């Protein structure tokens, strides 16, 4: 997760849409305050985002990978 955080914080990748993944990565590292701050910034640009909708529309072959994202989103405080 540390490598993901480093990559997602670079100028060329730090965008509103990538903040949900940054929030999830930070949350999985136990950096919950930072994760929640990124989740709030993400929601400013994506106020209708829900974890449930995202999880049902993303094509993951591996359920465990999907669950890692969902778990991180929840820990970061993104809406269910």
PDB file of N, CA and C in Angstrom:
ATOM      1  N   UNK A   1       0.814  -1.203   0.000  1.00  0.00           N
ATOM      2  CA  UNK A   1       0.000   0.000   0.000  1.00  0.00           C
ATOM      3  C   UNK A   1       0.854   1.263   0.000  1.00  0.00           C
ATOM      4  N   UNK A   2       2.036   1.159   0.578  1.00  0.00           N
ATOM      5  CA  UNK A   2       2.917   2.329   0.632  1.00  0.00           C
ATOM      6  C   UNK A   2       3.295   2.787  -0.781  1.00  0.00           C
ATOM      7  N   UNK A   3       3.581   1.838  -1.660  1.00  0.00           N
ATOM      8  CA  UNK A   3       3.924   2.191  -3.044  1.00  0.00           C
ATOM      9  C   UNK A   3       2.735   2.843  -3.750  1.00  0.00           C
ATOM     10  N   UNK A   4       1.539   2.361  -3.468  1.00  0.00           N
ATOM     11  CA  UNK A   4       0.341   2.960  -4.060  1.00  0.00           C
ATOM     12  C   UNK A   4       0.174   4.399  -3.590  1.00  0.00           C
ATOM     13  N   UNK A   5       0.372   4.637  -2.304  1.00  0.00           N
ATOM     14  CA  UNK A   5       0.261   5.992  -1.760  1.00  0.00           C
ATOM     15  C   UNK A   5       1.274   6.906  -2.439  1.00  0.00           C
ATOM     16  N   UNK A   6       2.494   6.435  -2.550  1.00  0.00           N
ATOM     17  CA  UNK A   6       3.545   7.240  -3.181  1.00  0.00           C
ATOM     18  C   UNK A   6       3.179   7.580  -4.627  1.00  0.00           C
ATOM     19  N   UNK A   7       2.708   6.598  -5.367  1.00  0.00           N
ATOM     20  CA  UNK A   7       2.331   6.815  -6.764  1.00  0.00           C
ATOM     21  C   UNK A   7       1.141   7.756  -6.885  1.00  0.00           C
ATOM     22  N   UNK A   8       0.122   7.540  -6.067  1.00  0.00           N
ATOM     23  CA  UNK A   8      -1.101   8.333  -6.170  1.00  0.00           C
ATOM     24  C   UNK A   8      -0.938   9.766  -5.677  1.00  0.00           C
ATOM     25  N   UNK A   9       0.124  10.046  -4.962  1.00  0.00           N
ATOM     26  CA  UNK A   9       0.372  11.417  -4.500  1.00  0.00           C
ATOM     27  C   UNK A   9       1.259  12.220  -5.457  1.00  0.00           C
ATOM     28  N   UNK A  10       1.727  11.600  -6.509  1.00  0.00           N
ATOM     29  CA  UNK A  10       2.525  12.324  -7.504  1.00  0.00           C
ATOM     30  C   UNK A  10       1.627  13.318  -8.242  1.00  0.00           C
ATOM     31  N   UNK A  11       2.219  14.421  -8.670  1.00  0.00           N
ATOM     32  CA  UNK A  11       1.457  15.452  -9.379  1.00  0.00           C
ATOM     33  C   UNK A  11       0.684  14.899 -10.570  1.00  0.00           C
ATOM     34  N   UNK A  12       1.290  13.997 -11.321  1.00  0.00           N
ATOM     35  CA  UNK A  12       0.642  13.489 -12.533  1.00  0.00           C
ATOM     36  C   UNK A  12      -0.473  12.477 -12.256  1.00  0.00           C
ATOM     37  N   UNK A  13      -0.580  11.980 -11.045  1.00  0.00           N
ATOM     38  CA  UNK A  13      -1.636  11.005 -10.727  1.00  0.00           C
ATOM     39  C   UNK A  13      -2.605  11.481  -9.652  1.00  0.00           C
ATOM     40  N   UNK A  14      -2.292  12.599  -9.006  1.00  0.00           N
ATOM     41  CA  UNK A  14      -3.146  13.068  -7.905  1.00  0.00           C
ATOM     42  C   UNK A  14      -4.316  13.852  -8.482  1.00  0.00           C
ATOM     43  N   UNK A  15      -5.432  13.169  -8.648  1.00  0.00           N
ATOM     44  CA  UNK A  15      -6.651  13.751  -9.206  1.00  0.00           C
ATOM     45  C   UNK A  15      -7.830  13.351  -8.333  1.00  0.00           C
ATOM     46  N   UNK A  16      -8.932  14.024  -8.572  1.00  0.00           N
ATOM     47  CA  UNK A  16     -10.136  13.724  -7.797  1.00  0.00           C
ATOM     48  C   UNK A  16     -10.498  12.250  -7.884  1.00  0.00           C
ATOM     49  N   UNK A  17     -10.479  11.687  -9.084  1.00  0.00           N
ATOM     50  CA  UNK A  17     -10.905  10.293  -9.243  1.00  0.00           C
ATOM     51  C   UNK A  17      -9.959   9.300  -8.573  1.00  0.00           C
ATOM     52  N   UNK A  18      -8.680   9.630  -8.487  1.00  0.00           N
ATOM     53  CA  UNK A  18      -7.731   8.701  -7.863  1.00  0.00           C
ATOM     54  C   UNK A  18      -7.753   8.780  -6.340  1.00  0.00           C
ATOM     55  N   UNK A  19      -8.387   9.792  -5.803  1.00  0.00           N
ATOM     56  CA  UNK A  19      -8.393   9.960  -4.346  1.00  0.00           C
ATOM     57  C   UNK A  19      -9.091   8.817  -3.622  1.00  0.00           C
ATOM     58  N   UNK A  20     -10.061   8.171  -4.244  1.00  0.00           N
ATOM     59  CA  UNK A  20     -10.725   7.042  -3.572  1.00  0.00           C
ATOM     60  C   UNK A  20      -9.728   5.914  -3.346  1.00  0.00           C
ATOM     61  N   UNK A  21      -8.838   5.684  -4.312  1.00  0.00           N
ATOM     62  CA  UNK A  21      -7.830   4.631  -4.170  1.00  0.00           C
ATOM     63  C   UNK A  21      -6.739   5.041  -3.188  1.00  0.00           C
ATOM     64  N   UNK A  22      -6.410   6.318  -3.182  1.00  0.00           N
ATOM     65  CA  UNK A  22      -5.461   6.832  -2.196  1.00  0.00           C
ATOM     66  C   UNK A  22      -6.050   6.686  -0.800  1.00  0.00           C
ATOM     67  N   UNK A  23      -7.324   7.034  -0.646  1.00  0.00           N
ATOM     68  CA  UNK A  23      -7.989   6.903   0.653  1.00  0.00           C
ATOM     69  C   UNK A  23      -7.987   5.450   1.117  1.00  0.00           C
ATOM     70  N   UNK A  24      -8.304   4.528   0.217  1.00  0.00           N
ATOM     71  CA  UNK A  24      -8.329   3.104   0.570  1.00  0.00           C
ATOM     72  C   UNK A  24      -6.945   2.617   0.972  1.00  0.00           C
ATOM     73  N   UNK A  25      -5.929   3.029   0.239  1.00  0.00           N
ATOM     74  CA  UNK A  25      -4.560   2.607   0.548  1.00  0.00           C
ATOM     75  C   UNK A  25      -4.109   3.143   1.898  1.00  0.00           C
ATOM     76  N   UNK A  26      -4.381   4.411   2.146  1.00  0.00           N
ATOM     77  CA  UNK A  26      -4.029   5.002   3.440  1.00  0.00           C
ATOM     78  C   UNK A  26      -4.755   4.286   4.578  1.00  0.00           C
ATOM     79  N   UNK A  27      -6.031   3.989   4.371  1.00  0.00           N
ATOM     80  CA  UNK A  27      -6.812   3.299   5.406  1.00  0.00           C
ATOM     81  C   UNK A  27      -6.235   1.921   5.692  1.00  0.00           C
ATOM     82  N   UNK A  28      -5.834   1.204   4.649  1.00  0.00           N
ATOM     83  CA  UNK A  28      -5.266  -0.131   4.845  1.00  0.00           C
ATOM     84  C   UNK A  28      -3.929  -0.072   5.573  1.00  0.00           C
ATOM     85  N   UNK A  29      -3.254   1.069   5.491  1.00  0.00           N
ATOM     86  CA  UNK A  29      -1.996   1.265   6.226  1.00  0.00           C
ATOM     87  C   UNK A  29      -2.238   1.737   7.659  1.00  0.00           C
ATOM     88  N   UNK A  30      -3.510   1.952   8.023  1.00  0.00           N
ATOM     89  CA  UNK A  30      -3.834   2.422   9.366  1.00  0.00           C
ATOM     90  C   UNK A  30      -3.749   3.932   9.514  1.00  0.00           C
ATOM     91  N   UNK A  31      -3.576   4.636   8.419  1.00  0.00           N
ATOM     92  CA  UNK A  31      -3.482   6.096   8.438  1.00  0.00           C
ATOM     93  C   UNK A  31      -4.873   6.677   8.185  1.00  0.00           C
ATOM     94  N   UNK A  32      -5.766   6.405   9.130  1.00  0.00           N
ATOM     95  CA  UNK A  32      -7.189   6.664   8.957  1.00  0.00           C
ATOM     96  C   UNK A  32      -7.503   8.150   8.835  1.00  0.00           C
ATOM     97  N   UNK A  33      -6.854   9.009   9.592  1.00  0.00           N
ATOM     98  CA  UNK A  33      -7.132  10.445   9.484  1.00  0.00           C
ATOM     99  C   UNK A  33      -6.822  10.957   8.079  1.00  0.00           C
ATOM    100  N   UNK A  34      -5.686  10.565   7.541  1.00  0.00           N
ATOM    101  CA  UNK A  34      -5.329  10.959   6.174  1.00  0.00           C
ATOM    102  C   UNK A  34      -6.311  10.358   5.171  1.00  0.00           C
ATOM    103  N   UNK A  35      -6.696   9.114   5.406  1.00  0.00           N
ATOM    104  CA  UNK A  35      -7.632   8.428   4.515  1.00  0.00           C
ATOM    105  C   UNK A  35      -8.973   9.146   4.485  1.00  0.00           C
ATOM    106  N   UNK A  36      -9.462   9.524   5.642  1.00  0.00           N
ATOM    107  CA  UNK A  36     -10.754  10.218   5.704  1.00  0.00           C
ATOM    108  C   UNK A  36     -10.688  11.584   5.030  1.00  0.00           C
ATOM    109  N   UNK A  37      -9.569  12.273   5.168  1.00  0.00           N
ATOM    110  CA  UNK A  37      -9.405  13.572   4.504  1.00  0.00           C
ATOM    111  C   UNK A  37      -9.449  13.401   2.983  1.00  0.00           C
ATOM    112  N   UNK A  38      -8.776  12.386   2.475  1.00  0.00           N
ATOM    113  CA  UNK A  38      -8.798  12.129   1.028  1.00  0.00           C
ATOM    114  C   UNK A  38     -10.192  11.698   0.572  1.00  0.00           C
ATOM    115  N   UNK A  39     -10.873  10.908   1.382  1.00  0.00           N
ATOM    116  CA  UNK A  39     -12.233  10.485   1.044  1.00  0.00           C
ATOM    117  C   UNK A  39     -13.160  11.694   0.953  1.00  0.00           C
ATOM    118  N   UNK A  40     -13.022  12.628   1.875  1.00  0.00           N
ATOM    119  CA  UNK A  40     -13.847  13.841   1.837  1.00  0.00           C
ATOM    120  C   UNK A  40     -13.576  14.643   0.570  1.00  0.00           C
ATOM    121  N   UNK A  41     -12.307  14.784   0.195  1.00  0.00           N
ATOM    122  CA  UNK A  41     -11.968  15.499  -1.037  1.00  0.00           C
ATOM    123  C   UNK A  41     -12.531  14.777  -2.261  1.00  0.00           C
ATOM    124  N   UNK A  42     -12.464  13.460  -2.265  1.00  0.00           N
ATOM    125  CA  UNK A  42     -13.024  12.684  -3.366  1.00  0.00           C
ATOM    126  C   UNK A  42     -14.526  12.922  -3.479  1.00  0.00           C
ATOM    127  N   UNK A  43     -15.220  12.943  -2.348  1.00  0.00           N
ATOM    128  CA  UNK A  43     -16.675  13.094  -2.360  1.00  0.00           C
ATOM    129  C   UNK A  43     -17.130  14.476  -2.807  1.00  0.00           C
ATOM    130  N   UNK A  44     -16.279  15.483  -2.676  1.00  0.00           N
ATOM    131  CA  UNK A  44     -16.627  16.817  -3.181  1.00  0.00           C
ATOM    132  C   UNK A  44     -16.894  16.738  -4.683  1.00  0.00           C
ATOM    133  N   UNK A  45     -16.055  16.029  -5.392  1.00  0.00           N
ATOM    134  CA  UNK A  45     -16.218  15.888  -6.834  1.00  0.00           C
ATOM    135  C   UNK A  45     -17.095  14.729  -7.262  1.00  0.00           C
ATOM    136  N   UNK A  46     -17.419  13.844  -6.326  1.00  0.00           N
ATOM    137  CA  UNK A  46     -18.215  12.638  -6.616  1.00  0.00           C
ATOM    138  C   UNK A  46     -19.240  12.419  -5.509  1.00  0.00           C
ATOM    139  N   UNK A  47     -20.173  13.355  -5.344  1.00  0.00           N
ATOM    140  CA  UNK A  47     -21.076  13.298  -4.192  1.00  0.00           C
ATOM    141  C   UNK A  47     -22.039  12.111  -4.180  1.00  0.00           C
ATOM    142  N   UNK A  48     -22.214  11.455  -5.309  1.00  0.00           N
ATOM    143  CA  UNK A  48     -23.157  10.327  -5.372  1.00  0.00           C
ATOM    144  C   UNK A  48     -22.464   8.970  -5.305  1.00  0.00           C
ATOM    145  N   UNK A  49     -21.161   8.980  -5.058  1.00  0.00           N
ATOM    146  CA  UNK A  49     -20.412   7.723  -4.987  1.00  0.00           C
ATOM    147  C   UNK A  49     -20.898   6.878  -3.821  1.00  0.00           C
ATOM    148  N   UNK A  50     -21.058   5.577  -4.079  1.00  0.00           N
ATOM    149  CA  UNK A  50     -21.285   4.615  -2.998  1.00  0.00           C
ATOM    150  C   UNK A  50     -20.387   3.407  -3.250  1.00  0.00           C
ATOM    151  N   UNK A  51     -19.913   2.846  -2.173  1.00  0.00           N
ATOM    152  CA  UNK A  51     -19.064   1.667  -2.261  1.00  0.00           C
ATOM    153  C   UNK A  51     -19.820   0.517  -2.909  1.00  0.00           C
ATOM    154  N   UNK A  52     -21.068   0.348  -2.535  1.00  0.00           N
ATOM    155  CA  UNK A  52     -21.874  -0.763  -3.061  1.00  0.00           C
ATOM    156  C   UNK A  52     -22.010  -0.674  -4.581  1.00  0.00           C
ATOM    157  N   UNK A  53     -22.356   0.513  -5.083  1.00  0.00           N
ATOM    158  CA  UNK A  53     -22.509   0.667  -6.533  1.00  0.00           C
ATOM    159  C   UNK A  53     -21.180   0.411  -7.242  1.00  0.00           C
ATOM    160  N   UNK A  54     -20.117   0.987  -6.712  1.00  0.00           N
ATOM    161  CA  UNK A  54     -18.799   0.788  -7.318  1.00  0.00           C
ATOM    162  C   UNK A  54     -18.462  -0.703  -7.374  1.00  0.00           C
ATOM    163  N   UNK A  55     -18.687  -1.410  -6.271  1.00  0.00           N
ATOM    164  CA  UNK A  55     -18.337  -2.832  -6.185  1.00  0.00           C
ATOM    165  C   UNK A  55     -19.136  -3.689  -7.165  1.00  0.00           C
ATOM    166  N   UNK A  56     -20.360  -3.290  -7.458  1.00  0.00           N
ATOM    167  CA  UNK A  56     -21.183  -4.084  -8.372  1.00  0.00           C
ATOM    168  C   UNK A  56     -20.940  -3.746  -9.835  1.00  0.00           C
ATOM    169  N   UNK A  57     -20.236  -2.650 -10.103  1.00  0.00           N
ATOM    170  CA  UNK A  57     -20.015  -2.260 -11.496  1.00  0.00           C
ATOM    171  C   UNK A  57     -18.575  -2.440 -11.960  1.00  0.00           C
ATOM    172  N   UNK A  58     -17.667  -2.729 -11.058  1.00  0.00           N
ATOM    173  CA  UNK A  58     -16.260  -2.917 -11.426  1.00  0.00           C
ATOM    174  C   UNK A  58     -15.990  -4.390 -11.734  1.00  0.00           C
ATOM    175  N   UNK A  59     -15.360  -4.652 -12.875  1.00  0.00           N
ATOM    176  CA  UNK A  59     -15.106  -6.045 -13.272  1.00  0.00           C
ATOM    177  C   UNK A  59     -13.832  -6.621 -12.637  1.00  0.00           C
ATOM    178  N   UNK A  60     -13.990  -7.273 -11.517  1.00  0.00           N
ATOM    179  CA  UNK A  60     -12.859  -7.935 -10.863  1.00  0.00           C
ATOM    180  C   UNK A  60     -12.981  -9.439 -11.068  1.00  0.00           C
ATOM    181  N   UNK A  61     -11.904 -10.056 -11.455  1.00  0.00           N
ATOM    182  CA  UNK A  61     -11.894 -11.516 -11.603  1.00  0.00           C
ATOM    183  C   UNK A  61     -11.704 -12.191 -10.258  1.00  0.00           C
ATOM    184  N   UNK A  62     -11.041 -11.493  -9.372  1.00  0.00           N
ATOM    185  CA  UNK A  62     -10.703 -12.053  -8.070  1.00  0.00           C
ATOM    186  C   UNK A  62     -11.499 -11.334  -6.982  1.00  0.00           C
ATOM    187  N   UNK A  63     -12.389 -12.046  -6.335  1.00  0.00           N
ATOM    188  CA  UNK A  63     -13.232 -11.455  -5.298  1.00  0.00           C
ATOM    189  C   UNK A  63     -12.413 -10.911  -4.131  1.00  0.00           C
ATOM    190  N   UNK A  64     -11.279 -11.520  -3.834  1.00  0.00           N
ATOM    191  CA  UNK A  64     -10.442 -11.054  -2.722  1.00  0.00           C
ATOM    192  C   UNK A  64      -9.868  -9.670  -3.009  1.00  0.00           C
ATOM    193  N   UNK A  65      -9.504  -9.407  -4.253  1.00  0.00           N
ATOM    194  CA  UNK A  65      -8.992  -8.084  -4.623  1.00  0.00           C
ATOM    195  C   UNK A  65     -10.088  -7.041  -4.483  1.00  0.00           C
ATOM    196  N   UNK A  66     -11.260  -7.356  -4.973  1.00  0.00           N
ATOM    197  CA  UNK A  66     -12.401  -6.452  -4.830  1.00  0.00           C
ATOM    198  C   UNK A  66     -12.659  -6.159  -3.359  1.00  0.00           C
ATOM    199  N   UNK A  67     -12.633  -7.171  -2.531  1.00  0.00           N
ATOM    200  CA  UNK A  67     -12.909  -6.998  -1.102  1.00  0.00           C
ATOM    201  C   UNK A  67     -11.856  -6.130  -0.425  1.00  0.00           C
ATOM    202  N   UNK A  68     -10.614  -6.187  -0.875  1.00  0.00           N
ATOM    203  CA  UNK A  68      -9.574  -5.305  -0.328  1.00  0.00           C
ATOM    204  C   UNK A  68      -9.932  -3.842  -0.576  1.00  0.00           C
ATOM    205  N   UNK A  69     -10.377  -3.536  -1.803  1.00  0.00           N
ATOM    206  CA  UNK A  69     -10.786  -2.169  -2.114  1.00  0.00           C
ATOM    207  C   UNK A  69     -11.990  -1.762  -1.273  1.00  0.00           C
ATOM    208  N   UNK A  70     -13.000  -2.615  -1.225  1.00  0.00           N
ATOM    209  CA  UNK A  70     -14.214  -2.314  -0.465  1.00  0.00           C
ATOM    210  C   UNK A  70     -13.877  -2.088   1.007  1.00  0.00           C
ATOM    211  N   UNK A  71     -13.046  -2.934   1.568  1.00  0.00           N
ATOM    212  CA  UNK A  71     -12.631  -2.786   2.964  1.00  0.00           C
ATOM    213  C   UNK A  71     -11.913  -1.450   3.177  1.00  0.00           C
ATOM    214  N   UNK A  72     -11.026  -1.101   2.269  1.00  0.00           N
ATOM    215  CA  UNK A  72     -10.320   0.175   2.368  1.00  0.00           C
ATOM    216  C   UNK A  72     -11.256   1.358   2.242  1.00  0.00           C
ATOM    217  N   UNK A  73     -12.208   1.286   1.308  1.00  0.00           N
ATOM    218  CA  UNK A  73     -13.193   2.364   1.156  1.00  0.00           C
ATOM    219  C   UNK A  73     -13.982   2.548   2.450  1.00  0.00           C
ATOM    220  N   UNK A  74     -14.400   1.446   3.037  1.00  0.00           N
ATOM    221  CA  UNK A  74     -15.174   1.525   4.290  1.00  0.00           C
ATOM    222  C   UNK A  74     -14.346   2.129   5.414  1.00  0.00           C
ATOM    223  N   UNK A  75     -13.113   1.659   5.569  1.00  0.00           N
ATOM    224  CA  UNK A  75     -12.235   2.189   6.618  1.00  0.00           C
ATOM    225  C   UNK A  75     -11.978   3.679   6.433  1.00  0.00           C
ATOM    226  N   UNK A  76     -11.948   4.128   5.174  1.00  0.00           N
ATOM    227  CA  UNK A  76     -11.702   5.538   4.873  1.00  0.00           C
ATOM    228  C   UNK A  76     -12.949   6.394   5.082  1.00  0.00           C
ATOM    229  N   UNK A  77     -14.089   5.732   5.287  1.00  0.00           N
ATOM    230  CA  UNK A  77     -15.315   6.477   5.537  1.00  0.00           C
ATOM    231  C   UNK A  77     -16.134   6.807   4.308  1.00  0.00           C
ATOM    232  N   UNK A  78     -15.834   6.155   3.184  1.00  0.00           N
ATOM    233  CA  UNK A  78     -16.655   6.390   2.001  1.00  0.00           C
ATOM    234  C   UNK A  78     -18.029   5.756   2.215  1.00  0.00           C
ATOM    235  N   UNK A  79     -19.074   6.357   1.656  1.00  0.00           N
ATOM    236  CA  UNK A  79     -20.434   5.861   1.898  1.00  0.00           C
ATOM    237  C   UNK A  79     -20.641   4.430   1.412  1.00  0.00           C
ATOM    238  N   UNK A  80     -21.445   3.720   2.154  1.00  0.00           N
ATOM    239  CA  UNK A  80     -21.780   2.347   1.803  1.00  0.00           C
ATOM    240  C   UNK A  80     -22.631   2.359   0.546  1.00  0.00           C
TER     241      UNK A  80
END
